[in-house]
């Protein structure tokens, strides 16, 4: 059974509201998103074609694939707009002081 481990990936100052911060955690690319001061983490790969979210910002909780325009909700990974049909995987986030940590199963 996999164990959830948390890894420090950024500080609050690194990710302003409405921004996406791309990082690598234990070999996994993660998009850390700030939605009105709340932090969410999704896999940094559109489920339609694998494009990175590194060229986009947020509109509320919505993130857009810069390649074909698929739309996802970063709070739960759900698909909000085609051409994607599969949700993007999410990761738990916790804030420890000013440090933002992302949880991965290892």
Protein backbone atom coordinates (compact mmCIF):
# COMPACT_ATOMS: atom_id res chain seq x y z
CA UNK A 1 0.00 0.00 0.00
CA UNK A 2 1.37 3.42 -0.96
CA UNK A 3 2.08 5.97 1.73
CA UNK A 4 1.28 9.67 1.35
CA UNK A 5 4.36 11.88 1.71
CA UNK A 6 4.40 15.66 1.63
CA UNK A 7 7.11 17.67 -0.13
CA UNK A 8 7.82 21.40 0.18
CA UNK A 9 7.40 22.94 -3.28
CA UNK A 10 6.98 26.70 -2.84
CA UNK A 11 6.17 29.54 -0.48
CA UNK A 12 3.00 31.61 -0.42
CA UNK A 13 4.93 34.48 -2.03
CA UNK A 14 5.89 32.26 -4.98
CA UNK A 15 2.28 31.80 -6.14
CA UNK A 16 0.07 34.88 -6.22
CA UNK A 17 -3.74 34.54 -6.55
CA UNK A 18 -4.66 33.56 -10.10
CA UNK A 19 -1.20 32.15 -10.84
CA UNK A 20 0.01 28.68 -11.75
CA UNK A 21 3.43 27.56 -10.47
CA UNK A 22 4.95 24.56 -12.24
CA UNK A 23 7.31 22.39 -10.23
CA UNK A 24 8.70 18.88 -10.17
CA UNK A 25 8.15 16.69 -7.13
CA UNK A 26 9.92 13.33 -6.96
CA UNK A 27 9.91 13.10 -10.76
CA UNK A 28 6.27 14.18 -11.15
CA UNK A 29 5.43 17.53 -12.80
CA UNK A 30 2.86 19.39 -10.71
CA UNK A 31 0.90 22.58 -11.38
CA UNK A 32 0.36 24.41 -8.08
CA UNK A 33 -2.59 26.78 -8.39
CA UNK A 34 -3.66 29.69 -6.16
CA UNK A 35 -7.42 30.25 -6.24
CA UNK A 36 -8.20 33.29 -4.09
CA UNK A 37 -5.59 32.32 -1.50
CA UNK A 38 -6.41 28.60 -1.47
CA UNK A 39 -3.84 26.25 -3.00
CA UNK A 40 -4.56 23.24 -5.21
CA UNK A 41 -2.24 20.86 -7.05
CA UNK A 42 -2.92 19.00 -10.28
CA UNK A 43 -0.74 16.95 -12.59
CA UNK A 44 0.96 19.23 -15.09
CA UNK A 45 -0.42 17.42 -18.12
CA UNK A 46 -3.66 17.95 -19.98
CA UNK A 47 -5.45 14.61 -20.21
CA UNK A 48 -6.35 15.30 -23.84
CA UNK A 49 -2.80 15.52 -25.22
CA UNK A 50 -0.31 15.88 -22.36
CA UNK A 51 0.34 19.62 -22.79
CA UNK A 52 1.80 21.50 -19.81
CA UNK A 53 -0.19 24.19 -18.05
CA UNK A 54 2.93 26.39 -17.91
CA UNK A 55 1.58 28.91 -20.44
CA UNK A 56 -1.73 29.67 -18.74
CA UNK A 57 -3.21 31.45 -15.76
CA UNK A 58 -6.36 30.74 -13.79
CA UNK A 59 -9.83 32.18 -14.19
CA UNK A 60 -11.22 31.46 -10.75
CA UNK A 61 -10.80 27.69 -10.30
CA UNK A 62 -10.64 27.08 -14.06
CA UNK A 63 -7.42 26.26 -15.91
CA UNK A 64 -7.19 26.11 -19.67
CA UNK A 65 -4.95 23.90 -21.76
CA UNK A 66 -2.92 26.30 -23.91
CA UNK A 67 -2.79 23.86 -26.82
CA UNK A 68 -6.42 22.93 -27.56
CA UNK A 69 -8.46 24.83 -24.96
CA UNK A 70 -9.64 22.01 -22.71
CA UNK A 71 -10.87 23.37 -19.38
CA UNK A 72 -10.44 21.78 -15.94
CA UNK A 73 -11.49 22.67 -12.40
CA UNK A 74 -8.30 22.70 -10.31
CA UNK A 75 -10.19 22.10 -7.05
CA UNK A 76 -11.20 18.57 -8.03
CA UNK A 77 -9.64 17.91 -11.46
CA UNK A 78 -12.99 17.65 -13.24
CA UNK A 79 -13.35 18.40 -16.94
CA UNK A 80 -15.31 21.57 -17.65
CA UNK A 81 -14.72 21.84 -21.39
CA UNK A 82 -13.77 19.72 -24.38
CA UNK A 83 -11.77 18.31 -26.02
CA UNK A 84 -10.65 16.59 -22.79
CA UNK A 85 -12.98 13.92 -21.40
CA UNK A 86 -10.84 12.52 -18.55
CA UNK A 87 -10.28 14.48 -15.31
CA UNK A 88 -6.77 15.65 -14.50
CA UNK A 89 -5.32 13.93 -11.39
CA UNK A 90 -5.10 16.05 -8.25
CA UNK A 91 -2.74 15.98 -5.27
CA UNK A 92 -3.42 17.02 -1.67
CA UNK A 93 -1.92 20.34 -0.56
CA UNK A 94 -1.17 21.63 2.90
CA UNK A 95 0.30 24.91 4.07
CA UNK A 96 2.81 24.86 6.89
CA UNK A 97 3.47 28.48 7.87
CA UNK A 98 4.51 30.10 4.58
CA UNK A 99 5.59 26.80 3.01
CA UNK A 100 3.30 25.02 0.57
CA UNK A 101 3.57 21.23 0.52
CA UNK A 102 2.17 18.77 -2.01
CA UNK A 103 1.34 15.20 -1.08
CA UNK A 104 2.30 12.28 -3.31
CA UNK A 105 1.72 8.59 -2.78
CA UNK A 106 5.05 6.76 -2.61
